[in-house]
Amino acid sequence: MKEFKRVIVLVLALGLLWSMSYSQSKVTGALEGTVVDDEESALPGVEIKLSSPDMMGGSRSRVTDADGKFRFIGLLPGTYALEAGLQGFTPQRREDIRLFVGQTLIVDFVLQIGTLQEAITVTGTAPLIDV
């Protein structure tokens, strides 16, 4: 009889956890996308920052995987901004991304190779001449 009660408690607990995750998916949304370069090659290692004025705890960030993909899940409905940046490429920002309940938005980025800027400073002193 005790074994039966344990099984019932376990089944109820699992059912409760499943229903909580299911109900959360119905009140939240997701943002996902792919980052490529101007030759349409996937860019792994790109930092993606997600921000919103209504977001608690500040911004979130992810790094793209080997296929250049990223995903943010469990987002409350609202207006978001995404920024993609990788050294050697010009960063991009998308604003006013409106997310609704149960929606999964796809936001892709094409990063352009940035311009290389170097500054060379030459300093020296004139040699002393003995006359």
Foldseek 3Di string as FASTA:
>chain_A
DVVVVVVVVVVVVVVVVVVVVVVLLQQAEKEKEFEEEPVRQGDWQKKKWKADPPDPPGIDIDTAHPRRMDMDTSHGFDWMKMWIDDPQWDIDIDGRDTDGGNYYHYDYYYTYGDDDDDDDDDDDDDDDDDD
